[in-house]
Amino acid sequence: MEQEVSQQEAQQERRVADRDRPDVDLSAYGRELLHEMLWSMLLSRRFEEKCAEAYQMGRIGGFCHLYIGQEAVAVGAIRALRSDDYVFTAYRDHAQAIVRGITPRAVMAELFGRVDGCSGGAGGSMHMFGADVNFMGGHGIVGTHLPLAAGVGYAIRYRGGDQVVLCFFGDSVVNGGPFHEAFNMVAKWGLPVVYIVENNAYGMGTATDRVASVEQLVTRGHAYEEMHSERVDGQDVIAMYDAVTRAADRARDELRPTFLEAVTYRYLGHSMSDPAHGTYRTKEEVQRERQNDPIATLCDRLISQDLLSQEEYDRLDKAAIAASEDAAEFAENSPAPDASAIYENVYRDEYLGGLDRRDAWR
């Protein structure tokens, strides 16, 4: 056990050492964009905190995977996209859905399993969808959405469009078959897909370096010659924004895909049923990582460069808390789906023979 802990500590030291955060003049990005990114991260954080509260009160059922600590990855990446680009993600999807444009009310109602949820209450925590903002889910089966993203990239190229597909996934996916199948296709066919692995150091309760044969997951992308691969500080929203901006340009102009390893960290457990520390990681480790909080880091940088005042930050934070409270109240008042809705969206057209025939074999 002591050997395992020492190995995890060594891994964490390497992750921290890999973070190269140069002293950049942020004024070039403009106050509006910077404040929008800070607002999106604050809203994501406060929303997830409200989700944790609602889950503990029994208002949210099933699994619930929170994004606290990883906000800079979603915000930096999605803010770099156009409105007609596409986003795929896995089951830790609440914040990404909100950043993409699905309202906090619709996301919270989905978490509560209500009709006003973005998936009509049928998806729950892991299956957020928003066709109107090209948010393509929210997928619970590990790694299976990577080929789907490749398929949308193929459709874009087939139709002669110039949109980009952004696909988030967790670190354990790089050890599975769908990862390599999808990467081979997008690299061979030059599809406009940007894949981002959110390396938060753990696949559920297993440290990444215990199961991956490479020290840096970005190495996996080097096997595909036509794919650009890059490692990014996932706790730096500016670094994420820049990396995805470059990747999107590369996809549009060169028809060349990109693989980004975002080095990040989740402060809570894999899901709400998983303790934050005390089992597979120590309390001290989590506390050390919290010193590199993406929200506090951006706030400090903006204040130091006279791009944000403490009063402006407090106002944004207060608004984020209010929006999260409003979302929970809205979800609580939204009705549950009618029992008959269980048969909806199972078949594309009406089932031949009616509902009576459907289950006659039982």
Protein backbone atom coordinates (compact mmCIF):
# COMPACT_ATOMS: atom_id res chain seq x y z
CA MET A 1 0.00 0.00 0.00
CA GLU A 2 2.84 2.39 0.87
CA GLN A 3 4.44 1.65 -2.49
CA GLU A 4 1.19 2.44 -4.31
CA VAL A 5 0.83 5.74 -2.44
CA SER A 6 4.40 6.74 -3.23
CA GLN A 7 3.82 5.95 -6.92
CA GLN A 8 0.69 8.11 -6.95
CA GLU A 9 2.59 10.95 -5.27
CA ALA A 10 5.33 10.69 -7.90
CA GLN A 11 2.69 10.79 -10.63
CA GLN A 12 1.11 13.88 -9.12
CA GLU A 13 4.48 15.63 -8.91
CA ARG A 14 5.03 14.91 -12.61
CA ARG A 15 1.57 16.27 -13.46
CA VAL A 16 2.26 19.51 -11.55
CA ALA A 17 5.69 19.86 -13.12
CA ASP A 18 4.15 19.52 -16.59
CA ARG A 19 2.06 22.65 -16.06
CA ASP A 20 3.80 25.47 -17.86
CA ARG A 21 1.74 28.61 -17.29
CA PRO A 22 3.57 31.55 -18.87
CA ASP A 23 2.87 35.10 -17.79
CA VAL A 24 0.52 36.05 -20.63
CA ASP A 25 -1.03 39.47 -21.20
CA LEU A 26 -4.69 38.50 -21.03
CA SER A 27 -5.96 41.88 -22.24
CA ALA A 28 -5.54 40.64 -25.81
CA TYR A 29 -8.49 38.27 -25.26
CA GLY A 30 -10.80 41.13 -24.27
CA ARG A 31 -12.65 41.65 -21.00
CA GLU A 32 -15.92 40.35 -22.41
CA LEU A 33 -14.56 36.92 -23.37
CA LEU A 34 -12.55 36.63 -20.15
CA HIS A 35 -15.58 37.48 -18.01
CA GLU A 36 -17.73 35.07 -20.03
CA MET A 37 -15.27 32.25 -19.34
CA LEU A 38 -15.09 33.11 -15.65
CA TRP A 39 -18.90 33.24 -15.48
CA SER A 40 -19.23 29.87 -17.22
CA MET A 41 -16.80 28.24 -14.80
CA LEU A 42 -18.53 29.78 -11.79
CA LEU A 43 -21.96 28.71 -13.04
CA SER A 44 -20.68 25.18 -13.66
CA ARG A 45 -19.17 24.99 -10.17
CA ARG A 46 -22.21 26.34 -8.32
CA PHE A 47 -24.57 24.22 -10.42
CA GLU A 48 -22.66 21.04 -9.57
CA GLU A 49 -22.59 21.98 -5.89
CA LYS A 50 -26.37 22.31 -6.03
CA CYS A 51 -26.55 18.93 -7.76
CA ALA A 52 -24.60 17.37 -4.89
CA GLU A 53 -27.06 18.87 -2.42
CA ALA A 54 -30.08 17.67 -4.41
CA TYR A 55 -28.60 14.18 -4.74
CA GLN A 56 -28.04 13.90 -1.00
CA MET A 57 -31.68 14.93 -0.48
CA GLY A 58 -32.86 12.16 -2.79
CA ARG A 59 -34.06 14.47 -5.58
CA ILE A 60 -31.64 12.96 -8.11
CA GLY A 61 -31.61 9.21 -8.65
CA GLY A 62 -29.13 6.80 -10.17
CA PHE A 63 -25.52 7.77 -10.75
CA CYS A 64 -24.39 11.39 -10.62
CA HIS A 65 -20.90 12.32 -11.83
CA LEU A 66 -19.85 15.85 -10.91
CA TYR A 67 -17.38 18.06 -12.79
CA ILE A 68 -15.99 20.10 -9.89
CA GLY A 69 -12.33 20.87 -10.56
CA GLN A 70 -12.43 20.30 -14.32
CA GLU A 71 -14.36 23.41 -15.36
CA ALA A 72 -11.51 24.99 -17.33
CA VAL A 73 -11.44 22.09 -19.78
CA ALA A 74 -15.05 22.42 -20.89
CA VAL A 75 -15.19 26.20 -20.82
CA GLY A 76 -11.91 26.81 -22.64
CA ALA A 77 -12.65 24.18 -25.28
CA ILE A 78 -16.29 24.94 -26.01
CA ARG A 79 -15.79 28.71 -26.05
CA ALA A 80 -13.34 28.19 -28.92
CA LEU A 81 -16.06 26.68 -31.14
CA ARG A 82 -18.58 28.17 -33.53
CA SER A 83 -22.29 27.81 -32.87
CA ASP A 84 -22.67 25.30 -35.73
CA ASP A 85 -19.91 22.98 -34.49
CA TYR A 86 -20.78 19.75 -32.68
CA VAL A 87 -19.99 18.52 -29.16
CA PHE A 88 -19.92 14.94 -27.89
CA THR A 89 -19.09 13.90 -24.37
CA ALA A 90 -19.37 11.08 -21.86
CA TYR A 91 -21.46 10.84 -18.70
CA ARG A 92 -19.80 13.68 -16.72
CA ASP A 93 -21.78 16.05 -18.88
CA HIS A 94 -23.76 18.60 -16.84
CA ALA A 95 -21.27 21.47 -17.05
CA GLN A 96 -20.47 20.83 -20.71
CA ALA A 97 -24.17 20.94 -21.58
CA ILE A 98 -24.59 24.28 -19.81
CA VAL A 99 -21.46 25.79 -21.38
CA ARG A 100 -22.70 24.74 -24.80
CA GLY A 101 -25.99 26.54 -24.31
CA ILE A 102 -28.52 24.21 -22.70
CA THR A 103 -30.14 26.17 -19.88
CA PRO A 104 -29.40 25.30 -16.24
CA ARG A 105 -33.14 24.78 -15.80
CA ALA A 106 -33.28 22.17 -18.55
CA VAL A 107 -30.18 20.38 -17.26
CA MET A 108 -31.41 20.31 -13.65
CA ALA A 109 -34.87 19.15 -14.71
CA GLU A 110 -33.22 16.31 -16.60
CA LEU A 111 -31.27 15.38 -13.48
CA PHE A 112 -34.57 15.29 -11.58
CA GLY A 113 -36.13 13.11 -14.33
CA ARG A 114 -38.80 15.68 -15.23
CA VAL A 115 -40.57 16.49 -18.50
CA ASP A 116 -38.89 19.88 -18.84
CA GLY A 117 -35.46 18.27 -18.90
CA CYS A 118 -33.38 18.56 -22.06
CA SER A 119 -34.01 14.86 -22.75
CA GLY A 120 -37.59 14.90 -21.51
CA GLY A 121 -36.63 13.27 -18.23
CA ALA A 122 -35.69 10.03 -19.98
CA GLY A 123 -31.92 10.47 -19.80
CA GLY A 124 -31.19 11.48 -16.26
CA SER A 125 -27.73 12.50 -15.11
CA MET A 126 -25.67 10.84 -17.82
CA HIS A 127 -27.59 11.58 -21.01
CA MET A 128 -27.89 15.29 -21.74
CA PHE A 129 -28.78 16.15 -25.34
CA GLY A 130 -29.52 19.43 -27.09
CA ALA A 131 -30.01 19.19 -30.85
CA ASP A 132 -30.68 22.93 -31.13
CA VAL A 133 -27.14 23.70 -29.92
CA ASN A 134 -25.52 20.64 -31.57
CA PHE A 135 -24.84 19.03 -28.20
CA MET A 136 -24.88 15.35 -29.09
CA GLY A 137 -24.68 13.83 -25.58
CA GLY A 138 -24.05 12.55 -22.86
CA HIS A 139 -23.02 8.82 -23.43
CA GLY A 140 -22.87 6.32 -20.60
CA ILE A 141 -21.05 3.40 -22.27
CA VAL A 142 -17.33 4.09 -21.93
CA GLY A 143 -15.70 5.08 -25.21
CA THR A 144 -18.60 4.29 -27.55
CA HIS A 145 -19.18 7.92 -28.48
CA LEU A 146 -15.74 8.32 -30.10
CA PRO A 147 -16.81 6.48 -33.28
CA LEU A 148 -20.05 8.50 -33.28
CA ALA A 149 -18.00 11.70 -33.33
CA ALA A 150 -16.00 10.26 -36.21
CA GLY A 151 -19.27 9.56 -38.03
CA VAL A 152 -20.42 13.16 -37.70
CA GLY A 153 -17.00 14.29 -38.90
CA TYR A 154 -17.42 12.05 -41.95
CA ALA A 155 -20.88 13.50 -42.61
CA ILE A 156 -19.47 17.04 -42.47
CA ARG A 157 -16.78 16.22 -45.00
CA TYR A 158 -19.21 14.26 -47.20
CA ARG A 159 -21.54 17.27 -47.37
CA GLY A 160 -18.72 19.73 -47.98
CA GLY A 161 -19.19 21.65 -44.72
CA ASP A 162 -16.54 23.25 -42.54
CA GLN A 163 -17.89 22.49 -39.06
CA VAL A 164 -15.77 20.84 -36.39
CA VAL A 165 -16.62 18.01 -33.99
CA LEU A 166 -15.34 18.28 -30.42
CA CYS A 167 -15.35 15.04 -28.42
CA PHE A 168 -14.54 14.77 -24.69
CA PHE A 169 -13.76 11.48 -22.94
CA GLY A 170 -12.10 10.12 -19.82
CA ASP A 171 -8.60 8.72 -19.39
CA SER A 172 -9.65 5.06 -19.20
CA VAL A 173 -10.96 5.24 -22.79
CA VAL A 174 -7.43 5.30 -24.26
CA ASN A 175 -7.05 1.64 -23.30
CA GLY A 176 -10.13 0.48 -25.21
CA GLY A 177 -10.84 -0.57 -28.76
CA PRO A 178 -13.20 2.29 -29.78
CA PHE A 179 -10.39 4.78 -29.11
CA HIS A 180 -8.05 3.21 -31.66
CA GLU A 181 -10.77 2.44 -34.20
CA ALA A 182 -11.99 6.04 -34.16
CA PHE A 183 -8.50 7.54 -34.22
CA ASN A 184 -7.49 5.37 -37.15
CA MET A 185 -10.52 6.45 -39.18
CA VAL A 186 -10.30 10.19 -38.52
CA ALA A 187 -6.55 10.20 -39.17
CA LYS A 188 -6.78 8.15 -42.37
CA TRP A 189 -9.70 10.10 -43.82
CA GLY A 190 -8.70 13.54 -42.53
CA LEU A 191 -11.90 14.19 -40.61
CA PRO A 192 -12.53 17.48 -38.75
CA VAL A 193 -12.60 15.98 -35.24
CA VAL A 194 -10.91 17.27 -32.08
CA TYR A 195 -10.62 14.61 -29.40
CA ILE A 196 -9.94 15.69 -25.81
CA VAL A 197 -9.04 13.19 -23.10
CA GLU A 198 -9.74 14.69 -19.68
CA ASN A 199 -6.94 13.08 -17.71
CA ASN A 200 -8.06 13.62 -14.12
CA ALA A 201 -5.56 11.02 -12.87
CA TYR A 202 -8.10 8.29 -12.09
CA GLY A 203 -10.34 5.91 -14.00
CA MET A 204 -12.99 5.51 -11.32
CA GLY A 205 -10.76 4.46 -8.39
CA THR A 206 -7.72 3.30 -10.35
CA ALA A 207 -4.75 5.60 -10.89
CA THR A 208 -4.03 6.13 -14.59
CA ASP A 209 -0.38 5.09 -14.35
CA ARG A 210 -1.41 1.68 -12.96
CA VAL A 211 -3.22 0.71 -16.17
CA ALA A 212 -1.70 2.80 -18.99
CA SER A 213 1.54 1.60 -20.56
CA VAL A 214 2.60 5.18 -21.31
CA GLU A 215 3.44 7.95 -18.85
CA GLN A 216 1.69 10.61 -20.91
CA LEU A 217 -1.57 9.67 -22.60
CA VAL A 218 -0.85 12.06 -25.46
CA THR A 219 1.74 9.49 -26.61
CA ARG A 220 -1.11 7.29 -27.83
CA GLY A 221 -1.91 9.85 -30.52
CA HIS A 222 1.60 9.67 -31.99
CA ALA A 223 0.75 6.33 -33.58
CA TYR A 224 -1.44 8.17 -36.11
CA GLU A 225 0.78 10.18 -38.44
CA GLU A 226 -1.89 12.53 -39.78
CA MET A 227 -3.16 13.45 -36.31
CA HIS A 228 -1.73 16.36 -34.35
CA SER A 229 -1.26 15.43 -30.67
CA GLU A 230 -0.65 17.91 -27.84
CA ARG A 231 -0.64 18.00 -24.03
CA VAL A 232 -2.42 20.94 -22.37
CA ASP A 233 -2.76 22.27 -18.82
CA GLY A 234 -6.41 21.49 -18.24
CA GLN A 235 -6.54 23.74 -15.18
CA ASP A 236 -5.76 26.78 -17.34
CA VAL A 237 -8.83 27.93 -19.25
CA ILE A 238 -6.71 30.19 -21.49
CA ALA A 239 -4.42 27.32 -22.47
CA MET A 240 -7.45 25.19 -23.30
CA TYR A 241 -9.03 27.98 -25.34
CA ASP A 242 -5.84 28.50 -27.33
CA ALA A 243 -5.27 24.80 -27.95
CA VAL A 244 -8.81 24.17 -29.22
CA THR A 245 -8.75 27.35 -31.32
CA ARG A 246 -5.65 26.02 -33.06
CA ALA A 247 -7.21 22.58 -33.39
CA ALA A 248 -10.43 23.93 -34.88
CA ASP A 249 -8.47 25.99 -37.41
CA ARG A 250 -6.42 22.93 -38.26
CA ALA A 251 -9.58 20.88 -38.82
CA ARG A 252 -11.21 23.49 -41.03
CA ASP A 253 -8.19 24.57 -43.05
CA GLU A 254 -6.07 21.42 -43.23
CA LEU A 255 -8.72 18.68 -42.75
CA ARG A 256 -6.46 17.34 -40.01
CA PRO A 257 -7.74 15.93 -36.70
CA THR A 258 -6.27 16.73 -33.27
CA PHE A 259 -5.83 14.80 -30.04
CA LEU A 260 -5.45 16.87 -26.85
CA GLU A 261 -4.58 15.48 -23.44
CA ALA A 262 -6.01 17.93 -20.88
CA VAL A 263 -4.23 17.37 -17.57
CA THR A 264 -6.91 18.12 -14.99
CA TYR A 265 -8.25 16.86 -11.65
CA ARG A 266 -11.62 16.16 -10.07
CA TYR A 267 -11.98 17.24 -6.45
CA LEU A 268 -14.85 14.89 -5.65
CA GLY A 269 -15.30 11.18 -6.24
CA HIS A 270 -15.92 9.45 -9.54
CA SER A 271 -19.62 9.67 -8.72
CA MET A 272 -21.67 10.76 -5.72
CA SER A 273 -21.46 7.21 -4.35
CA ASP A 274 -17.66 7.41 -4.30
CA PRO A 275 -15.79 9.19 -1.45
CA ALA A 276 -13.62 12.16 -2.36
CA HIS A 277 -10.63 10.69 -0.54
CA GLY A 278 -9.61 8.08 1.99
CA THR A 279 -9.77 5.04 -0.26
CA TYR A 280 -7.67 5.30 -3.43
CA ARG A 281 -6.24 8.78 -2.83
CA THR A 282 -5.30 10.82 0.21
CA LYS A 283 -6.87 13.95 1.62
CA GLU A 284 -3.49 15.68 1.30
CA GLU A 285 -3.36 14.94 -2.43
CA VAL A 286 -6.76 16.51 -3.01
CA GLN A 287 -5.82 19.55 -0.92
CA ARG A 288 -2.64 20.03 -2.96
CA GLU A 289 -4.59 19.91 -6.20
CA ARG A 290 -7.13 22.40 -4.87
CA GLN A 291 -4.30 24.92 -4.65
CA ASN A 292 -4.38 24.95 -8.45
CA ASP A 293 -8.13 25.56 -8.67
CA PRO A 294 -8.95 26.73 -12.23
CA ILE A 295 -11.48 29.33 -11.08
CA ALA A 296 -9.30 30.87 -8.37
CA THR A 297 -6.31 30.84 -10.72
CA LEU A 298 -8.13 32.74 -13.46
CA CYS A 299 -9.62 35.16 -10.95
CA ASP A 300 -6.19 35.98 -9.51
CA ARG A 301 -4.70 36.50 -12.96
CA LEU A 302 -7.53 38.82 -14.03
CA ILE A 303 -7.36 40.88 -10.85
CA SER A 304 -3.58 41.20 -11.05
CA GLN A 305 -3.90 42.55 -14.62
CA ASP A 306 -6.72 44.97 -13.74
CA LEU A 307 -9.19 43.01 -15.86
CA LEU A 308 -11.48 42.12 -12.96
CA SER A 309 -12.37 43.67 -9.63
CA GLN A 310 -13.32 41.78 -6.49
CA GLU A 311 -16.76 43.39 -6.71
CA GLU A 312 -17.24 42.07 -10.26
CA TYR A 313 -16.21 38.60 -9.16
CA ASP A 314 -18.60 38.65 -6.22
CA ARG A 315 -21.41 39.78 -8.50
CA LEU A 316 -20.76 36.94 -10.98
CA ASP A 317 -20.54 34.38 -8.19
CA LYS A 318 -23.77 35.60 -6.62
CA ALA A 319 -25.52 35.38 -9.99
CA ALA A 320 -24.21 31.83 -10.50
CA ILE A 321 -25.57 30.76 -7.12
CA ALA A 322 -28.92 32.37 -7.90
CA ALA A 323 -29.11 30.64 -11.29
CA SER A 324 -28.40 27.28 -9.68
CA GLU A 325 -31.05 27.80 -7.01
CA ASP A 326 -33.52 28.85 -9.69
CA ALA A 327 -32.73 25.73 -11.71
CA ALA A 328 -33.40 23.48 -8.72
CA GLU A 329 -36.69 25.22 -7.96
CA PHE A 330 -37.74 24.95 -11.60
CA ALA A 331 -36.88 21.24 -11.66
CA GLU A 332 -38.78 20.61 -8.44
CA ASN A 333 -41.92 22.18 -9.91
CA SER A 334 -41.63 20.41 -13.27
CA PRO A 335 -43.96 17.38 -13.56
CA ALA A 336 -42.73 13.82 -13.94
CA PRO A 337 -43.31 12.16 -17.34
CA ASP A 338 -46.49 10.16 -17.80
CA ALA A 339 -45.95 6.41 -17.51
CA SER A 340 -46.95 5.96 -21.16
CA ALA A 341 -43.91 8.00 -22.22
CA ILE A 342 -41.73 4.95 -21.64
CA TYR A 343 -42.75 3.76 -25.11
CA GLU A 344 -41.82 7.02 -26.83
CA ASN A 345 -38.64 7.37 -28.90
CA VAL A 346 -38.03 3.63 -28.91
CA TYR A 347 -39.00 3.19 -32.54
CA ARG A 348 -38.70 5.81 -35.24
CA ASP A 349 -42.27 5.30 -36.42
CA GLU A 350 -45.39 4.06 -34.71
CA TYR A 351 -45.08 0.42 -33.68
CA LEU A 352 -47.12 -1.76 -36.05
CA GLY A 353 -50.00 -3.47 -34.28
CA GLY A 354 -50.14 -0.98 -31.42
CA LEU A 355 -48.93 -1.21 -27.86
CA ASP A 356 -50.97 -4.33 -27.10
CA ARG A 357 -49.08 -6.37 -29.67
CA ARG A 358 -45.70 -5.02 -28.63
CA ASP A 359 -45.50 -6.97 -25.37
CA ALA A 360 -47.79 -9.85 -26.30
CA TRP A 361 -44.90 -12.32 -26.22
CA ARG A 362 -44.49 -11.74 -22.48
